[in-house]
Amino acid sequence: MVTITLVIITAIVSFIAFQNPVIMSRYDFSPYRIAQRKELFRFVSHAFLHADWIHLLINMVVLFSFGLYVEREFGFLENAGHIQSGLVSFLVLYFSAIVISSLTTYLKKRKDPYYIAVGASGAVSAILFTSIFFSPLEKILLYGILPMPGIVFGILYLGYSSYMGRKDKDHINHDAHLWGAIYGIIYPMFLYPGLISKFIQQLGL
């Protein structure tokens, strides 16, 4: 499955970069270098790097847990004749989310030569929120402990990411989380608009 392949490739590349700071620097997300040197590959390459093992583990566990489900749902849509390829749809979601979730940060930080970021969090947020869109009442464990419906988790997540993104006080790219999540909700609606009514029905509206 493509989710497992992405997890393996990301883990391998991140591990190699842990041992080689030159690779980390060459492929991280540096808005300044993108703007000044036109190194557009950084919009994608940074998603295969992570700051440390904890960062990598969290992103890959979430990607694995929800990516397999999204893959399966896309497969159902393909089998029903609603989309042409579930595999292609999943890959487009993942890689386009990497770029789209980074755009706000790029615009904010393109004149800052010291800002860098790494991680697949934007794309992982998109995968997570696509899964919430498919099953909004399915339970999600907040911090791995507190169960709550996905739609409730999603609202809290969006609010928190928006608030922290405006504060910009830590070293976490909350804007990538926020815009990746929003994109994850929008993408399946454009992929197959009939999903909108299903989403509304699941909420009992």
Protein backbone atom coordinates (compact mmCIF):
# COMPACT_ATOMS: atom_id res chain seq x y z
CA MET A 1 0.00 0.00 0.00
CA VAL A 2 1.17 3.50 -0.79
CA THR A 3 0.82 4.68 2.83
CA ILE A 4 3.28 2.09 4.03
CA THR A 5 5.65 2.99 1.19
CA LEU A 6 5.52 6.67 2.16
CA VAL A 7 6.16 5.81 5.81
CA ILE A 8 9.17 3.66 4.91
CA ILE A 9 10.70 6.18 2.49
CA THR A 10 10.19 9.07 4.93
CA ALA A 11 11.71 7.10 7.80
CA ILE A 12 14.75 6.13 5.73
CA VAL A 13 15.38 9.63 4.38
CA SER A 14 14.89 11.18 7.83
CA PHE A 15 17.31 8.67 9.38
CA ILE A 16 19.94 9.44 6.76
CA ALA A 17 19.48 13.18 7.38
CA PHE A 18 19.86 12.64 11.14
CA GLN A 19 23.38 11.41 10.41
CA ASN A 20 24.19 14.05 7.81
CA PRO A 21 23.39 17.72 8.59
CA VAL A 22 24.38 18.67 5.03
CA ILE A 23 21.41 16.71 3.67
CA MET A 24 19.12 18.29 6.26
CA SER A 25 20.26 21.78 5.25
CA ARG A 26 20.13 21.04 1.53
CA TYR A 27 16.52 19.87 1.52
CA ASP A 28 14.79 21.61 4.44
CA PHE A 29 12.05 24.18 4.01
CA SER A 30 13.76 27.56 3.76
CA PRO A 31 11.38 30.19 2.36
CA TYR A 32 14.29 32.60 2.02
CA ARG A 33 16.30 30.23 -0.16
CA ILE A 34 13.24 29.37 -2.20
CA ALA A 35 12.66 33.04 -2.87
CA GLN A 36 16.29 34.01 -3.44
CA ARG A 37 17.65 30.91 -5.18
CA LYS A 38 14.45 29.55 -6.73
CA GLU A 39 14.98 26.19 -5.01
CA LEU A 40 11.38 25.13 -5.50
CA PHE A 41 12.14 21.49 -4.67
CA ARG A 42 12.22 22.50 -1.00
CA PHE A 43 8.42 22.83 -1.09
CA VAL A 44 8.30 19.01 -1.28
CA SER A 45 11.65 17.70 -0.04
CA HIS A 46 11.23 19.03 3.51
CA ALA A 47 8.33 16.63 4.12
CA PHE A 48 10.75 13.69 4.03
CA LEU A 49 12.92 15.18 6.78
CA HIS A 50 12.19 15.45 10.50
CA ALA A 51 13.72 17.29 13.42
CA ASP A 52 14.16 14.23 15.64
CA TRP A 53 12.90 10.74 16.33
CA ILE A 54 9.85 11.91 18.28
CA HIS A 55 8.81 14.24 15.46
CA LEU A 56 9.24 11.43 12.95
CA LEU A 57 7.44 8.85 15.08
CA ILE A 58 4.37 11.01 15.71
CA ASN A 59 3.95 11.94 12.05
CA MET A 60 4.46 8.41 10.79
CA VAL A 61 2.09 6.84 13.34
CA VAL A 62 -0.65 9.30 12.35
CA LEU A 63 0.06 8.83 8.64
CA PHE A 64 -0.03 5.05 8.99
CA SER A 65 -3.17 5.04 11.15
CA PHE A 66 -5.27 7.30 8.96
CA GLY A 67 -3.57 6.90 5.58
CA LEU A 68 -4.61 3.26 5.27
CA TYR A 69 -8.22 4.24 5.93
CA VAL A 70 -8.17 7.07 3.37
CA GLU A 71 -6.59 4.74 0.82
CA ARG A 72 -9.38 2.25 1.38
CA GLU A 73 -12.07 4.92 1.00
CA PHE A 74 -10.52 6.13 -2.24
CA GLY A 75 -10.50 2.52 -3.39
CA PHE A 76 -14.24 2.27 -2.70
CA LEU A 77 -14.82 5.44 -4.73
CA GLU A 78 -12.82 3.96 -7.61
CA ASN A 79 -14.74 0.68 -7.49
CA ALA A 80 -18.02 2.61 -7.49
CA GLY A 81 -16.92 4.48 -10.60
CA HIS A 82 -16.82 7.88 -8.91
CA ILE A 83 -13.09 8.45 -9.50
CA GLN A 84 -10.66 6.96 -11.98
CA SER A 85 -7.87 5.91 -9.63
CA GLY A 86 -7.83 5.69 -5.85
CA LEU A 87 -4.04 5.39 -5.84
CA VAL A 88 -3.49 8.49 -7.95
CA SER A 89 -6.07 10.42 -5.92
CA PHE A 90 -4.27 9.55 -2.69
CA LEU A 91 -0.85 10.54 -4.05
CA VAL A 92 -2.21 13.82 -5.41
CA LEU A 93 -3.75 14.56 -2.01
CA TYR A 94 -0.51 13.85 -0.14
CA PHE A 95 1.94 15.69 -2.37
CA SER A 96 -0.28 18.65 -3.16
CA ALA A 97 -0.97 19.03 0.57
CA ILE A 98 2.77 19.28 1.23
CA VAL A 99 2.97 22.30 -1.06
CA ILE A 100 -0.34 23.96 -0.22
CA SER A 101 0.19 23.70 3.54
CA SER A 102 3.56 25.46 3.14
CA LEU A 103 2.40 28.45 1.09
CA THR A 104 1.32 30.65 4.01
CA THR A 105 4.61 30.02 5.80
CA TYR A 106 6.50 30.82 2.62
CA LEU A 107 4.72 34.16 2.26
CA LYS A 108 5.32 35.02 5.93
CA LYS A 109 8.96 33.95 6.14
CA ARG A 110 10.41 34.46 2.65
CA LYS A 111 12.48 37.42 3.85
CA ASP A 112 13.77 35.65 6.95
CA PRO A 113 17.13 33.93 6.19
CA TYR A 114 17.10 32.12 9.56
CA TYR A 115 13.73 30.40 9.33
CA ILE A 116 13.71 26.71 8.42
CA ALA A 117 11.18 23.91 8.88
CA VAL A 118 11.04 20.18 8.27
CA GLY A 119 8.40 17.50 8.54
CA ALA A 120 5.38 15.97 6.88
CA SER A 121 2.92 17.56 9.30
CA GLY A 122 1.02 19.54 6.65
CA ALA A 123 0.39 16.47 4.50
CA VAL A 124 -0.34 14.29 7.52
CA SER A 125 -2.90 16.83 8.72
CA ALA A 126 -4.53 16.67 5.30
CA ILE A 127 -4.75 12.87 5.48
CA LEU A 128 -6.16 13.04 9.01
CA PHE A 129 -8.86 15.54 8.05
CA THR A 130 -9.80 13.66 4.89
CA SER A 131 -10.44 10.67 7.16
CA ILE A 132 -12.57 12.89 9.42
CA PHE A 133 -14.52 14.04 6.37
CA PHE A 134 -15.25 10.42 5.45
CA SER A 135 -16.26 9.45 9.02
CA PRO A 136 -16.92 12.59 11.09
CA LEU A 137 -18.38 10.72 14.07
CA GLU A 138 -15.65 8.09 14.29
CA LYS A 139 -13.80 8.35 17.60
CA ILE A 140 -10.30 9.85 17.66
CA LEU A 141 -8.09 9.67 20.74
CA LEU A 142 -6.87 13.11 21.80
CA TYR A 143 -3.26 12.69 23.00
CA GLY A 144 -3.88 8.96 22.57
CA ILE A 145 -6.09 8.94 25.68
CA LEU A 146 -9.30 10.99 25.45
CA PRO A 147 -11.82 9.67 22.88
CA MET A 148 -13.98 12.16 21.00
CA PRO A 149 -15.85 12.27 17.67
CA GLY A 150 -13.60 13.20 14.78
CA ILE A 151 -15.61 16.31 13.97
CA VAL A 152 -15.13 17.62 17.52
CA PHE A 153 -11.42 16.85 17.41
CA GLY A 154 -11.24 18.62 14.05
CA ILE A 155 -12.87 21.81 15.35
CA LEU A 156 -10.54 21.90 18.36
CA TYR A 157 -7.52 21.20 16.17
CA LEU A 158 -8.39 23.99 13.72
CA GLY A 159 -9.01 26.47 16.53
CA TYR A 160 -5.77 25.59 18.31
CA SER A 161 -3.67 25.69 15.12
CA SER A 162 -5.16 29.03 14.09
CA TYR A 163 -4.52 30.54 17.53
CA MET A 164 -0.95 29.26 17.81
CA GLY A 165 -0.18 30.24 14.23
CA ARG A 166 -1.13 33.84 15.01
CA LYS A 167 0.99 33.87 18.17
CA ASP A 168 4.02 32.39 16.35
CA LYS A 169 5.82 31.87 19.65
CA ASP A 170 7.20 28.34 19.30
CA HIS A 171 9.16 26.40 16.70
CA ILE A 172 6.15 24.47 15.37
CA ASN A 173 4.71 25.35 11.97
CA HIS A 174 1.08 25.65 13.06
CA ASP A 175 0.15 27.30 9.76
CA ALA A 176 1.10 24.09 7.93
CA HIS A 177 -1.10 22.11 10.32
CA LEU A 178 -4.00 24.49 9.79
CA TRP A 179 -3.89 24.75 6.01
CA GLY A 180 -3.10 21.06 5.58
CA ALA A 181 -6.20 20.25 7.65
CA ILE A 182 -8.42 22.64 5.69
CA TYR A 183 -7.13 21.23 2.41
CA GLY A 184 -7.81 17.71 3.65
CA ILE A 185 -11.48 18.62 4.10
CA ILE A 186 -11.79 20.40 0.75
CA TYR A 187 -9.96 17.86 -1.43
CA PRO A 188 -12.47 14.98 -1.28
CA MET A 189 -15.35 17.38 -2.01
CA PHE A 190 -13.71 18.40 -5.25
CA LEU A 191 -12.70 14.83 -5.98
CA TYR A 192 -16.31 13.67 -5.81
CA PRO A 193 -18.96 16.28 -4.85
CA GLY A 194 -21.43 13.54 -3.92
CA LEU A 195 -19.45 13.06 -0.70
CA ILE A 196 -20.82 16.33 0.65
CA SER A 197 -24.32 14.94 1.13
CA LYS A 198 -22.91 11.81 2.75
CA PHE A 199 -20.92 13.95 5.18
CA ILE A 200 -24.02 15.96 6.10
CA GLN A 201 -26.10 12.81 6.54
CA GLN A 202 -23.52 11.31 8.90
CA LEU A 203 -23.80 14.40 11.08
CA GLY A 204 -27.58 13.93 11.18
CA LEU A 205 -28.27 17.30 9.58
